[in-house]
Amino acid sequence: MTNSTKRATVIKIGGSTLGSEDTSLQDVAALHRAGERVVVVHGGGAMITDWLKKMAIDSVFVDGLRSTNEAALEVVVGVLRGVVNAQLVGEIVALGGRAIGVCGVDGGCVRAERYDDRLGYVGRVTSVDGPFIEGLLDAGFVPVIAPIGFEAPNQPLNINADTVAGEVARAIHADSLTFLTDVDGLLDASKTLMPEVDAARAAALRAEGTLSGGMIPKIDACFRAAEVGVRALIANGTTPGTLRRIAAGESVGTRIKG
């Protein structure tokens, strides 16, 4: 653990939230300028799909995860680390934050392993180097992390960004983990926002099919982080000022009760 007594906030940003009305990056920069310790984890699935199409590489999904062959992996790494990460870092810096871009290969900070032949170069996280990330925070940076893992001796792997966010929050014992998405939070079968969800309720929602698709890895990551005392929630990142409202203590989105 870091020598600092101030814990960090981990924010997962998806491409679907970065629209014209979104203020997530402004909020990140404002929190950083105010002295908060902030880590950003990002995805980039839509841009990856676009680039794969340009390269005439088929997008294949298995159980909701992108199957990644060798050709697709080059696109995934190039888009996540070379395009999306650089854009986010540049925008945060332009807004007055001090950001630095990394991925799991840097310093071997997110270790992973392949686990399903159908998925190819897709990894599951085996460990996260918390002190590495805390060192960047101690140096005054906003680490912006691309979800690429490192399999020894030198193989990058594609990893679900929600999973990476949860494991990073867990590794650094973050104060909070916030998933910014394009809905108000977790909705029940009648599309009503649920302010709080525990494991039993989440299991019931999953069994009835209300909890499905991309919300599943978010919920799983929230519960993983909550196991070590991280406050986890899912909120609408397309609504202006969401992060600042959360930081101010307002009740926003769905809180995951571990």
Foldseek 3Di string as FASTA:
>chain_A
DDPDPAFAEEEEDEPQQPDPLFCVLLLVLVCLVVPGQYAYFYEDVVVLCVVCVVVVHDFDDDQQHTQAAPVSVVSRCCCQQPPPQVVSCVVSVVSPAAADEDECQVVVQFAWDDDDVRRHQATATPAGNQVVSVVCSVVSYHYYYYHWHAYPPGDIGHYDRLQVSLRNCQSNVGQAYEYADAAQAQAAPVRHFDLEDEPVRVVVCVVVPSQDHPNVSNLVSLVSNVVSPHWYFYGHSNHYPPSVCVVVPHRTYHTYHD
